[in-house]
Amino acid sequence: GLAFAALLAGERTSAVLVICAILLFGVLVMVRNAYGVLSVVVTGLL
């Protein structure tokens, strides 16, 4: 959240959303249970 605050202070809104997408993809690759996949996919779709 602090890193995102720094990006937003520099008016880099798109970078926040891109980093969120990368983080979700990385977690999705490593998730090993069905609920975990569902949780990450729903968050990613939003």
PDB file of all heavy atoms in Angstrom:
ATOM      1  N   GLY A   1       0.818  -1.204   0.000  1.00  0.00           N
ATOM      2  CA  GLY A   1       0.000   0.000   0.000  1.00  0.00           C
ATOM      3  C   GLY A   1       0.852   1.254   0.000  1.00  0.00           C
ATOM      4  O   GLY A   1       0.526   2.248  -0.669  1.00  0.00           O
ATOM      5  N   LEU A   2       1.970   1.225   0.737  1.00  0.00           N
ATOM      6  CA  LEU A   2       2.883   2.373   0.753  1.00  0.00           C
ATOM      7  C   LEU A   2       3.518   2.584  -0.616  1.00  0.00           C
ATOM      8  O   LEU A   2       3.648   3.726  -1.079  1.00  0.00           O
ATOM      9  CB  LEU A   2       3.966   2.147   1.811  1.00  0.00           C
ATOM     10  CG  LEU A   2       4.990   3.266   1.983  1.00  0.00           C
ATOM     11  CD1 LEU A   2       4.306   4.562   2.417  1.00  0.00           C
ATOM     12  CD2 LEU A   2       6.058   2.861   2.999  1.00  0.00           C
ATOM     13  N   ALA A   3       3.902   1.501  -1.273  1.00  0.00           N
ATOM     14  CA  ALA A   3       4.459   1.619  -2.625  1.00  0.00           C
ATOM     15  C   ALA A   3       3.422   2.208  -3.587  1.00  0.00           C
ATOM     16  O   ALA A   3       3.748   3.058  -4.428  1.00  0.00           O
ATOM     17  CB  ALA A   3       4.924   0.248  -3.116  1.00  0.00           C
ATOM     18  N   PHE A   4       2.175   1.778  -3.441  1.00  0.00           N
ATOM     19  CA  PHE A   4       1.119   2.326  -4.295  1.00  0.00           C
ATOM     20  C   PHE A   4       0.891   3.809  -3.990  1.00  0.00           C
ATOM     21  O   PHE A   4       0.619   4.599  -4.903  1.00  0.00           O
ATOM     22  CB  PHE A   4      -0.172   1.544  -4.095  1.00  0.00           C
ATOM     23  CG  PHE A   4      -0.165   0.178  -4.729  1.00  0.00           C
ATOM     24  CD1 PHE A   4      -1.165  -0.745  -4.444  1.00  0.00           C
ATOM     25  CD2 PHE A   4       0.840  -0.202  -5.604  1.00  0.00           C
ATOM     26  CE1 PHE A   4      -1.165  -2.001  -5.034  1.00  0.00           C
ATOM     27  CE2 PHE A   4       0.854  -1.457  -6.198  1.00  0.00           C
ATOM     28  CZ  PHE A   4      -0.148  -2.354  -5.907  1.00  0.00           C
ATOM     29  N   ALA A   5       0.980   4.191  -2.720  1.00  0.00           N
ATOM     30  CA  ALA A   5       0.836   5.603  -2.359  1.00  0.00           C
ATOM     31  C   ALA A   5       1.918   6.436  -3.034  1.00  0.00           C
ATOM     32  O   ALA A   5       1.662   7.552  -3.507  1.00  0.00           O
ATOM     33  CB  ALA A   5       0.889   5.773  -0.840  1.00  0.00           C
ATOM     34  N   ALA A   6       3.131   5.902  -3.071  1.00  0.00           N
ATOM     35  CA  ALA A   6       4.224   6.613  -3.735  1.00  0.00           C
ATOM     36  C   ALA A   6       3.942   6.771  -5.230  1.00  0.00           C
ATOM     37  O   ALA A   6       4.178   7.840  -5.811  1.00  0.00           O
ATOM     38  CB  ALA A   6       5.533   5.869  -3.512  1.00  0.00           C
ATOM     39  N   LEU A   7       3.427   5.709  -5.851  1.00  0.00           N
ATOM     40  CA  LEU A   7       3.102   5.786  -7.281  1.00  0.00           C
ATOM     41  C   LEU A   7       1.978   6.788  -7.534  1.00  0.00           C
ATOM     42  O   LEU A   7       2.029   7.575  -8.483  1.00  0.00           O
ATOM     43  CB  LEU A   7       2.700   4.407  -7.796  1.00  0.00           C
ATOM     44  CG  LEU A   7       3.824   3.371  -7.898  1.00  0.00           C
ATOM     45  CD1 LEU A   7       3.256   1.994  -8.227  1.00  0.00           C
ATOM     46  CD2 LEU A   7       4.850   3.783  -8.954  1.00  0.00           C
ATOM     47  N   LEU A   8       0.968   6.787  -6.683  1.00  0.00           N
ATOM     48  CA  LEU A   8      -0.156   7.709  -6.861  1.00  0.00           C
ATOM     49  C   LEU A   8       0.264   9.147  -6.612  1.00  0.00           C
ATOM     50  O   LEU A   8      -0.242  10.071  -7.263  1.00  0.00           O
ATOM     51  CB  LEU A   8      -1.307   7.312  -5.939  1.00  0.00           C
ATOM     52  CG  LEU A   8      -1.987   5.992  -6.298  1.00  0.00           C
ATOM     53  CD1 LEU A   8      -2.946   5.574  -5.202  1.00  0.00           C
ATOM     54  CD2 LEU A   8      -2.714   6.101  -7.634  1.00  0.00           C
ATOM     55  N   ALA A   9       1.186   9.352  -5.688  1.00  0.00           N
ATOM     56  CA  ALA A   9       1.706  10.698  -5.463  1.00  0.00           C
ATOM     57  C   ALA A   9       2.421  11.214  -6.706  1.00  0.00           C
ATOM     58  O   ALA A   9       2.472  12.426  -6.945  1.00  0.00           O
ATOM     59  CB  ALA A   9       2.653  10.707  -4.263  1.00  0.00           C
ATOM     60  N   GLY A  10       2.960  10.293  -7.489  1.00  0.00           N
ATOM     61  CA  GLY A  10       3.596  10.654  -8.751  1.00  0.00           C
ATOM     62  C   GLY A  10       2.663  10.541  -9.935  1.00  0.00           C
ATOM     63  O   GLY A  10       3.113  10.574 -11.083  1.00  0.00           O
ATOM     64  N   GLU A  11       1.347  10.391  -9.660  1.00  0.00           N
ATOM     65  CA  GLU A  11       0.308  10.334 -10.700  1.00  0.00           C
ATOM     66  C   GLU A  11       0.501   9.155 -11.655  1.00  0.00           C
ATOM     67  O   GLU A  11       0.238   9.259 -12.847  1.00  0.00           O
ATOM     68  CB  GLU A  11       0.244  11.650 -11.473  1.00  0.00           C
ATOM     69  CG  GLU A  11      -0.076  12.855 -10.600  1.00  0.00           C
ATOM     70  CD  GLU A  11      -0.196  14.138 -11.392  1.00  0.00           C
ATOM     71  OE1 GLU A  11       0.068  14.116 -12.619  1.00  0.00           O
ATOM     72  OE2 GLU A  11      -0.542  15.169 -10.790  1.00  0.00           O
ATOM     73  N   ARG A  12       0.914   8.029 -11.107  1.00  0.00           N
ATOM     74  CA  ARG A  12       1.105   6.821 -11.912  1.00  0.00           C
ATOM     75  C   ARG A  12       0.022   5.805 -11.572  1.00  0.00           C
ATOM     76  O   ARG A  12       0.276   4.715 -11.068  1.00  0.00           O
ATOM     77  CB  ARG A  12       2.500   6.244 -11.674  1.00  0.00           C
ATOM     78  CG  ARG A  12       3.612   7.192 -12.095  1.00  0.00           C
ATOM     79  CD  ARG A  12       4.983   6.634 -11.818  1.00  0.00           C
ATOM     80  NE  ARG A  12       6.029   7.545 -12.237  1.00  0.00           N
ATOM     81  CZ  ARG A  12       7.330   7.331 -12.056  1.00  0.00           C
ATOM     82  NH1 ARG A  12       7.734   6.212 -11.457  1.00  0.00           N
ATOM     83  NH2 ARG A  12       8.220   8.209 -12.463  1.00  0.00           N
ATOM     84  N   THR A  13      -1.205   6.168 -11.896  1.00  0.00           N
ATOM     85  CA  THR A  13      -2.349   5.321 -11.577  1.00  0.00           C
ATOM     86  C   THR A  13      -2.275   3.977 -12.291  1.00  0.00           C
ATOM     87  O   THR A  13      -2.531   2.926 -11.705  1.00  0.00           O
ATOM     88  CB  THR A  13      -3.649   6.041 -11.967  1.00  0.00           C
ATOM     89  OG1 THR A  13      -3.700   7.298 -11.285  1.00  0.00           O
ATOM     90  CG2 THR A  13      -4.862   5.207 -11.616  1.00  0.00           C
ATOM     91  N   SER A  14      -1.917   3.998 -13.561  1.00  0.00           N
ATOM     92  CA  SER A  14      -1.886   2.759 -14.339  1.00  0.00           C
ATOM     93  C   SER A  14      -0.889   1.765 -13.769  1.00  0.00           C
ATOM     94  O   SER A  14      -1.123   0.549 -13.810  1.00  0.00           O
ATOM     95  CB  SER A  14      -1.538   3.059 -15.802  1.00  0.00           C
ATOM     96  OG  SER A  14      -2.527   3.880 -16.392  1.00  0.00           O
ATOM     97  N   ALA A  15       0.221   2.266 -13.225  1.00  0.00           N
ATOM     98  CA  ALA A  15       1.231   1.370 -12.671  1.00  0.00           C
ATOM     99  C   ALA A  15       0.673   0.572 -11.502  1.00  0.00           C
ATOM    100  O   ALA A  15       1.012  -0.602 -11.317  1.00  0.00           O
ATOM    101  CB  ALA A  15       2.451   2.175 -12.228  1.00  0.00           C
ATOM    102  N   VAL A  16      -0.204   1.185 -10.701  1.00  0.00           N
ATOM    103  CA  VAL A  16      -0.821   0.484  -9.576  1.00  0.00           C
ATOM    104  C   VAL A  16      -1.634  -0.709 -10.082  1.00  0.00           C
ATOM    105  O   VAL A  16      -1.523  -1.830  -9.554  1.00  0.00           O
ATOM    106  CB  VAL A  16      -1.717   1.436  -8.768  1.00  0.00           C
ATOM    107  CG1 VAL A  16      -2.514   0.667  -7.709  1.00  0.00           C
ATOM    108  CG2 VAL A  16      -0.874   2.523  -8.109  1.00  0.00           C
ATOM    109  N   LEU A  17      -2.439  -0.469 -11.104  1.00  0.00           N
ATOM    110  CA  LEU A  17      -3.283  -1.542 -11.620  1.00  0.00           C
ATOM    111  C   LEU A  17      -2.455  -2.636 -12.288  1.00  0.00           C
ATOM    112  O   LEU A  17      -2.770  -3.829 -12.168  1.00  0.00           O
ATOM    113  CB  LEU A  17      -4.299  -0.956 -12.607  1.00  0.00           C
ATOM    114  CG  LEU A  17      -5.208   0.139 -12.036  1.00  0.00           C
ATOM    115  CD1 LEU A  17      -6.154   0.659 -13.113  1.00  0.00           C
ATOM    116  CD2 LEU A  17      -5.991  -0.374 -10.837  1.00  0.00           C
ATOM    117  N   VAL A  18      -1.392  -2.258 -12.976  1.00  0.00           N
ATOM    118  CA  VAL A  18      -0.529  -3.249 -13.629  1.00  0.00           C
ATOM    119  C   VAL A  18       0.159  -4.125 -12.591  1.00  0.00           C
ATOM    120  O   VAL A  18       0.229  -5.353 -12.735  1.00  0.00           O
ATOM    121  CB  VAL A  18       0.515  -2.554 -14.522  1.00  0.00           C
ATOM    122  CG1 VAL A  18       1.569  -3.552 -15.006  1.00  0.00           C
ATOM    123  CG2 VAL A  18      -0.165  -1.902 -15.725  1.00  0.00           C
ATOM    124  N   ILE A  19       0.674  -3.513 -11.521  1.00  0.00           N
ATOM    125  CA  ILE A  19       1.343  -4.284 -10.470  1.00  0.00           C
ATOM    126  C   ILE A  19       0.361  -5.247  -9.807  1.00  0.00           C
ATOM    127  O   ILE A  19       0.702  -6.394  -9.501  1.00  0.00           O
ATOM    128  CB  ILE A  19       1.976  -3.344  -9.435  1.00  0.00           C
ATOM    129  CG1 ILE A  19       3.144  -2.591 -10.063  1.00  0.00           C
ATOM    130  CG2 ILE A  19       2.446  -4.116  -8.200  1.00  0.00           C
ATOM    131  CD1 ILE A  19       3.716  -1.494  -9.194  1.00  0.00           C
ATOM    132  N   CYS A  20      -0.878  -4.796  -9.590  1.00  0.00           N
ATOM    133  CA  CYS A  20      -1.899  -5.684  -9.029  1.00  0.00           C
ATOM    134  C   CYS A  20      -2.122  -6.893  -9.918  1.00  0.00           C
ATOM    135  O   CYS A  20      -2.235  -8.029  -9.440  1.00  0.00           O
ATOM    136  CB  CYS A  20      -3.213  -4.924  -8.846  1.00  0.00           C
ATOM    137  SG  CYS A  20      -3.221  -3.744  -7.484  1.00  0.00           S
ATOM    138  N   ALA A  21      -2.172  -6.661 -11.234  1.00  0.00           N
ATOM    139  CA  ALA A  21      -2.388  -7.763 -12.171  1.00  0.00           C
ATOM    140  C   ALA A  21      -1.224  -8.749 -12.135  1.00  0.00           C
ATOM    141  O   ALA A  21      -1.428  -9.976 -12.142  1.00  0.00           O
ATOM    142  CB  ALA A  21      -2.575  -7.207 -13.582  1.00  0.00           C
ATOM    143  N   ILE A  22      -0.005  -8.233 -12.083  1.00  0.00           N
ATOM    144  CA  ILE A  22       1.177  -9.101 -12.035  1.00  0.00           C
ATOM    145  C   ILE A  22       1.179  -9.923 -10.749  1.00  0.00           C
ATOM    146  O   ILE A  22       1.456 -11.127 -10.755  1.00  0.00           O
ATOM    147  CB  ILE A  22       2.457  -8.262 -12.148  1.00  0.00           C
ATOM    148  CG1 ILE A  22       2.548  -7.625 -13.533  1.00  0.00           C
ATOM    149  CG2 ILE A  22       3.695  -9.118 -11.882  1.00  0.00           C
ATOM    150  CD1 ILE A  22       3.675  -6.620 -13.684  1.00  0.00           C
ATOM    151  N   LEU A  23       0.865  -9.275  -9.637  1.00  0.00           N
ATOM    152  CA  LEU A  23       0.822  -9.980  -8.350  1.00  0.00           C
ATOM    153  C   LEU A  23      -0.213 -11.104  -8.376  1.00  0.00           C
ATOM    154  O   LEU A  23       0.073 -12.234  -7.952  1.00  0.00           O
ATOM    155  CB  LEU A  23       0.509  -8.992  -7.235  1.00  0.00           C
ATOM    156  CG  LEU A  23       0.471  -9.517  -5.795  1.00  0.00           C
ATOM    157  CD1 LEU A  23       0.895  -8.417  -4.827  1.00  0.00           C
ATOM    158  CD2 LEU A  23      -0.918 -10.004  -5.399  1.00  0.00           C
ATOM    159  N   LEU A  24      -1.398 -10.805  -8.882  1.00  0.00           N
ATOM    160  CA  LEU A  24      -2.448 -11.824  -8.926  1.00  0.00           C
ATOM    161  C   LEU A  24      -2.051 -12.992  -9.819  1.00  0.00           C
ATOM    162  O   LEU A  24      -2.306 -14.153  -9.495  1.00  0.00           O
ATOM    163  CB  LEU A  24      -3.756 -11.201  -9.407  1.00  0.00           C
ATOM    164  CG  LEU A  24      -4.457 -10.280  -8.408  1.00  0.00           C
ATOM    165  CD1 LEU A  24      -5.629  -9.563  -9.080  1.00  0.00           C
ATOM    166  CD2 LEU A  24      -4.952 -11.054  -7.202  1.00  0.00           C
ATOM    167  N   PHE A  25      -1.424 -12.698 -10.952  1.00  0.00           N
ATOM    168  CA  PHE A  25      -0.998 -13.774 -11.853  1.00  0.00           C
ATOM    169  C   PHE A  25       0.053 -14.645 -11.178  1.00  0.00           C
ATOM    170  O   PHE A  25       0.006 -15.883 -11.270  1.00  0.00           O
ATOM    171  CB  PHE A  25      -0.439 -13.191 -13.149  1.00  0.00           C
ATOM    172  CG  PHE A  25       0.063 -14.239 -14.106  1.00  0.00           C
ATOM    173  CD1 PHE A  25      -0.825 -14.992 -14.852  1.00  0.00           C
ATOM    174  CD2 PHE A  25       1.428 -14.478 -14.235  1.00  0.00           C
ATOM    175  CE1 PHE A  25      -0.372 -15.977 -15.727  1.00  0.00           C
ATOM    176  CE2 PHE A  25       1.894 -15.458 -15.101  1.00  0.00           C
ATOM    177  CZ  PHE A  25       0.996 -16.202 -15.849  1.00  0.00           C
ATOM    178  N   GLY A  26       1.013 -14.010 -10.488  1.00  0.00           N
ATOM    179  CA  GLY A  26       2.040 -14.780  -9.807  1.00  0.00           C
ATOM    180  C   GLY A  26       1.462 -15.693  -8.740  1.00  0.00           C
ATOM    181  O   GLY A  26       1.881 -16.841  -8.595  1.00  0.00           O
ATOM    182  N   VAL A  27       0.493 -15.189  -7.978  1.00  0.00           N
ATOM    183  CA  VAL A  27      -0.136 -16.021  -6.943  1.00  0.00           C
ATOM    184  C   VAL A  27      -0.947 -17.141  -7.586  1.00  0.00           C
ATOM    185  O   VAL A  27      -0.914 -18.289  -7.119  1.00  0.00           O
ATOM    186  CB  VAL A  27      -1.032 -15.160  -6.027  1.00  0.00           C
ATOM    187  CG1 VAL A  27      -1.810 -16.043  -5.055  1.00  0.00           C
ATOM    188  CG2 VAL A  27      -0.185 -14.150  -5.256  1.00  0.00           C
ATOM    189  N   LEU A  28      -1.661 -16.827  -8.668  1.00  0.00           N
ATOM    190  CA  LEU A  28      -2.481 -17.840  -9.334  1.00  0.00           C
ATOM    191  C   LEU A  28      -1.636 -19.014  -9.807  1.00  0.00           C
ATOM    192  O   LEU A  28      -2.057 -20.176  -9.701  1.00  0.00           O
ATOM    193  CB  LEU A  28      -3.216 -17.203 -10.522  1.00  0.00           C
ATOM    194  CG  LEU A  28      -4.157 -18.119 -11.309  1.00  0.00           C
ATOM    195  CD1 LEU A  28      -5.282 -18.635 -10.410  1.00  0.00           C
ATOM    196  CD2 LEU A  28      -4.733 -17.384 -12.512  1.00  0.00           C
ATOM    197  N   VAL A  29      -0.454 -18.726 -10.307  1.00  0.00           N
ATOM    198  CA  VAL A  29       0.433 -19.795 -10.778  1.00  0.00           C
ATOM    199  C   VAL A  29       0.820 -20.736  -9.641  1.00  0.00           C
ATOM    200  O   VAL A  29       0.973 -21.948  -9.841  1.00  0.00           O
ATOM    201  CB  VAL A  29       1.694 -19.185 -11.424  1.00  0.00           C
ATOM    202  CG1 VAL A  29       2.751 -20.254 -11.686  1.00  0.00           C
ATOM    203  CG2 VAL A  29       1.329 -18.473 -12.727  1.00  0.00           C
ATOM    204  N   MET A  30       0.943 -20.197  -8.431  1.00  0.00           N
ATOM    205  CA  MET A  30       1.435 -20.992  -7.308  1.00  0.00           C
ATOM    206  C   MET A  30       0.330 -21.550  -6.418  1.00  0.00           C
ATOM    207  O   MET A  30       0.609 -22.334  -5.513  1.00  0.00           O
ATOM    208  CB  MET A  30       2.378 -20.141  -6.446  1.00  0.00           C
ATOM    209  CG  MET A  30       3.638 -19.691  -7.152  1.00  0.00           C
ATOM    210  SD  MET A  30       4.554 -21.049  -7.930  1.00  0.00           S
ATOM    211  CE  MET A  30       4.856 -22.126  -6.530  1.00  0.00           C
ATOM    212  N   VAL A  31      -0.925 -21.152  -6.640  1.00  0.00           N
ATOM    213  CA  VAL A  31      -2.018 -21.636  -5.786  1.00  0.00           C
ATOM    214  C   VAL A  31      -2.239 -23.124  -6.027  1.00  0.00           C
ATOM    215  O   VAL A  31      -2.238 -23.595  -7.165  1.00  0.00           O
ATOM    216  CB  VAL A  31      -3.304 -20.834  -6.052  1.00  0.00           C
ATOM    217  CG1 VAL A  31      -4.515 -21.546  -5.474  1.00  0.00           C
ATOM    218  CG2 VAL A  31      -3.192 -19.455  -5.424  1.00  0.00           C
ATOM    219  N   ARG A  32      -2.487 -23.854  -4.931  1.00  0.00           N
ATOM    220  CA  ARG A  32      -2.613 -25.308  -5.023  1.00  0.00           C
ATOM    221  C   ARG A  32      -3.951 -25.833  -4.481  1.00  0.00           C
ATOM    222  O   ARG A  32      -4.067 -27.017  -4.193  1.00  0.00           O
ATOM    223  CB  ARG A  32      -1.465 -25.971  -4.252  1.00  0.00           C
ATOM    224  CG  ARG A  32      -0.078 -25.689  -4.822  1.00  0.00           C
ATOM    225  CD  ARG A  32       0.098 -26.305  -6.207  1.00  0.00           C
ATOM    226  NE  ARG A  32       1.422 -26.086  -6.753  1.00  0.00           N
ATOM    227  CZ  ARG A  32       1.740 -25.103  -7.579  1.00  0.00           C
ATOM    228  NH1 ARG A  32       0.798 -24.233  -7.970  1.00  0.00           N
ATOM    229  NH2 ARG A  32       2.972 -24.980  -8.045  1.00  0.00           N
ATOM    230  N   ASN A  33      -4.955 -24.975  -4.345  1.00  0.00           N
ATOM    231  CA  ASN A  33      -6.270 -25.481  -3.918  1.00  0.00           C
ATOM    232  C   ASN A  33      -7.371 -24.713  -4.636  1.00  0.00           C
ATOM    233  O   ASN A  33      -7.167 -23.593  -5.140  1.00  0.00           O
ATOM    234  CB  ASN A  33      -6.435 -25.391  -2.400  1.00  0.00           C
ATOM    235  CG  ASN A  33      -6.492 -23.957  -1.896  1.00  0.00           C
ATOM    236  OD1 ASN A  33      -5.755 -23.101  -2.361  1.00  0.00           O
ATOM    237  ND2 ASN A  33      -7.381 -23.689  -0.940  1.00  0.00           N
ATOM    238  N   ALA A  34      -8.560 -25.320  -4.698  1.00  0.00           N
ATOM    239  CA  ALA A  34      -9.655 -24.777  -5.512  1.00  0.00           C
ATOM    240  C   ALA A  34     -10.132 -23.428  -4.986  1.00  0.00           C
ATOM    241  O   ALA A  34     -10.375 -22.501  -5.780  1.00  0.00           O
ATOM    242  CB  ALA A  34     -10.817 -25.777  -5.541  1.00  0.00           C
ATOM    243  N   TYR A  35     -10.294 -23.297  -3.670  1.00  0.00           N
ATOM    244  CA  TYR A  35     -10.763 -22.021  -3.146  1.00  0.00           C
ATOM    245  C   TYR A  35      -9.756 -20.913  -3.432  1.00  0.00           C
ATOM    246  O   TYR A  35     -10.133 -19.783  -3.720  1.00  0.00           O
ATOM    247  CB  TYR A  35     -11.033 -22.101  -1.642  1.00  0.00           C
ATOM    248  CG  TYR A  35     -11.579 -20.793  -1.104  1.00  0.00           C
ATOM    249  CD1 TYR A  35     -12.929 -20.502  -1.206  1.00  0.00           C
ATOM    250  CD2 TYR A  35     -10.724 -19.836  -0.547  1.00  0.00           C
ATOM    251  CE1 TYR A  35     -13.432 -19.287  -0.745  1.00  0.00           C
ATOM    252  CE2 TYR A  35     -11.220 -18.622  -0.085  1.00  0.00           C
ATOM    253  CZ  TYR A  35     -12.577 -18.354  -0.193  1.00  0.00           C
ATOM    254  OH  TYR A  35     -13.064 -17.146   0.244  1.00  0.00           O
ATOM    255  N   GLY A  36      -8.488 -21.250  -3.350  1.00  0.00           N
ATOM    256  CA  GLY A  36      -7.462 -20.265  -3.663  1.00  0.00           C
ATOM    257  C   GLY A  36      -7.557 -19.776  -5.090  1.00  0.00           C
ATOM    258  O   GLY A  36      -7.461 -18.579  -5.365  1.00  0.00           O
ATOM    259  N   VAL A  37      -7.757 -20.709  -6.016  1.00  0.00           N
ATOM    260  CA  VAL A  37      -7.922 -20.328  -7.423  1.00  0.00           C
ATOM    261  C   VAL A  37      -9.137 -19.436  -7.589  1.00  0.00           C
ATOM    262  O   VAL A  37      -9.089 -18.404  -8.274  1.00  0.00           O
ATOM    263  CB  VAL A  37      -8.041 -21.585  -8.306  1.00  0.00           C
ATOM    264  CG1 VAL A  37      -8.422 -21.201  -9.738  1.00  0.00           C
ATOM    265  CG2 VAL A  37      -6.741 -22.373  -8.299  1.00  0.00           C
ATOM    266  N   LEU A  38     -10.261 -19.821  -6.967  1.00  0.00           N
ATOM    267  CA  LEU A  38     -11.482 -19.029  -7.058  1.00  0.00           C
ATOM    268  C   LEU A  38     -11.269 -17.618  -6.518  1.00  0.00           C
ATOM    269  O   LEU A  38     -11.674 -16.624  -7.141  1.00  0.00           O
ATOM    270  CB  LEU A  38     -12.604 -19.724  -6.288  1.00  0.00           C
ATOM    271  CG  LEU A  38     -13.947 -18.969  -6.222  1.00  0.00           C
ATOM    272  CD1 LEU A  38     -14.542 -18.821  -7.615  1.00  0.00           C
ATOM    273  CD2 LEU A  38     -14.913 -19.692  -5.288  1.00  0.00           C
ATOM    274  N   SER A  39     -10.630 -17.507  -5.370  1.00  0.00           N
ATOM    275  CA  SER A  39     -10.403 -16.211  -4.743  1.00  0.00           C
ATOM    276  C   SER A  39      -9.564 -15.301  -5.630  1.00  0.00           C
ATOM    277  O   SER A  39      -9.890 -14.122  -5.834  1.00  0.00           O
ATOM    278  CB  SER A  39      -9.706 -16.414  -3.389  1.00  0.00           C
ATOM    279  OG  SER A  39      -9.459 -15.178  -2.754  1.00  0.00           O
ATOM    280  N   VAL A  40      -8.503 -15.836  -6.192  1.00  0.00           N
ATOM    281  CA  VAL A  40      -7.619 -15.029  -7.040  1.00  0.00           C
ATOM    282  C   VAL A  40      -8.313 -14.665  -8.353  1.00  0.00           C
ATOM    283  O   VAL A  40      -8.207 -13.528  -8.829  1.00  0.00           O
ATOM    284  CB  VAL A  40      -6.303 -15.782  -7.311  1.00  0.00           C
ATOM    285  CG1 VAL A  40      -5.432 -15.001  -8.294  1.00  0.00           C
ATOM    286  CG2 VAL A  40      -5.550 -16.006  -6.013  1.00  0.00           C
ATOM    287  N   VAL A  41      -9.043 -15.602  -8.937  1.00  0.00           N
ATOM    288  CA  VAL A  41      -9.722 -15.337 -10.217  1.00  0.00           C
ATOM    289  C   VAL A  41     -10.800 -14.270 -10.055  1.00  0.00           C
ATOM    290  O   VAL A  41     -10.918 -13.354 -10.877  1.00  0.00           O
ATOM    291  CB  VAL A  41     -10.317 -16.640 -10.787  1.00  0.00           C
ATOM    292  CG1 VAL A  41     -11.267 -16.334 -11.953  1.00  0.00           C
ATOM    293  CG2 VAL A  41      -9.202 -17.567 -11.259  1.00  0.00           C
ATOM    294  N   VAL A  42     -11.592 -14.362  -8.997  1.00  0.00           N
ATOM    295  CA  VAL A  42     -12.641 -13.356  -8.769  1.00  0.00           C
ATOM    296  C   VAL A  42     -12.019 -11.974  -8.585  1.00  0.00           C
ATOM    297  O   VAL A  42     -12.489 -10.975  -9.147  1.00  0.00           O
ATOM    298  CB  VAL A  42     -13.505 -13.740  -7.552  1.00  0.00           C
ATOM    299  CG1 VAL A  42     -14.416 -12.583  -7.155  1.00  0.00           C
ATOM    300  CG2 VAL A  42     -14.341 -14.974  -7.872  1.00  0.00           C
ATOM    301  N   THR A  43     -10.950 -11.898  -7.795  1.00  0.00           N
ATOM    302  CA  THR A  43     -10.263 -10.626  -7.601  1.00  0.00           C
ATOM    303  C   THR A  43      -9.703 -10.109  -8.922  1.00  0.00           C
ATOM    304  O   THR A  43      -9.788  -8.911  -9.228  1.00  0.00           O
ATOM    305  CB  THR A  43      -9.124 -10.782  -6.574  1.00  0.00           C
ATOM    306  OG1 THR A  43      -9.646 -11.333  -5.364  1.00  0.00           O
ATOM    307  CG2 THR A  43      -8.473  -9.447  -6.278  1.00  0.00           C
ATOM    308  N   GLY A  44      -9.142 -11.011  -9.717  1.00  0.00           N
ATOM    309  CA  GLY A  44      -8.590 -10.623 -11.011  1.00  0.00           C
ATOM    310  C   GLY A  44      -9.648 -10.135 -11.977  1.00  0.00           C
ATOM    311  O   GLY A  44      -9.423  -9.179 -12.737  1.00  0.00           O
ATOM    312  N   LEU A  45     -10.819 -10.761 -11.964  1.00  0.00           N
ATOM    313  CA  LEU A  45     -11.899 -10.328 -12.849  1.00  0.00           C
ATOM    314  C   LEU A  45     -12.386  -8.930 -12.487  1.00  0.00           C
ATOM    315  O   LEU A  45     -12.687  -8.118 -13.370  1.00  0.00           O
ATOM    316  CB  LEU A  45     -13.066 -11.327 -12.787  1.00  0.00           C
ATOM    317  CG  LEU A  45     -12.817 -12.680 -13.458  1.00  0.00           C
ATOM    318  CD1 LEU A  45     -13.997 -13.613 -13.207  1.00  0.00           C
ATOM    319  CD2 LEU A  45     -12.588 -12.510 -14.958  1.00  0.00           C
ATOM    320  N   LEU A  46     -12.463  -8.640 -11.196  1.00  0.00           N
ATOM    321  CA  LEU A  46     -12.843  -7.290 -10.763  1.00  0.00           C
ATOM    322  C   LEU A  46     -11.809  -6.274 -11.230  1.00  0.00           C
ATOM    323  O   LEU A  46     -12.165  -5.205 -11.760  1.00  0.00           O
ATOM    324  CB  LEU A  46     -12.969  -7.245  -9.242  1.00  0.00           C
ATOM    325  CG  LEU A  46     -13.253  -5.867  -8.623  1.00  0.00           C
ATOM    326  CD1 LEU A  46     -14.567  -5.303  -9.136  1.00  0.00           C
ATOM    327  CD2 LEU A  46     -13.264  -5.952  -7.095  1.00  0.00           C
TER     328      LEU A  46
END
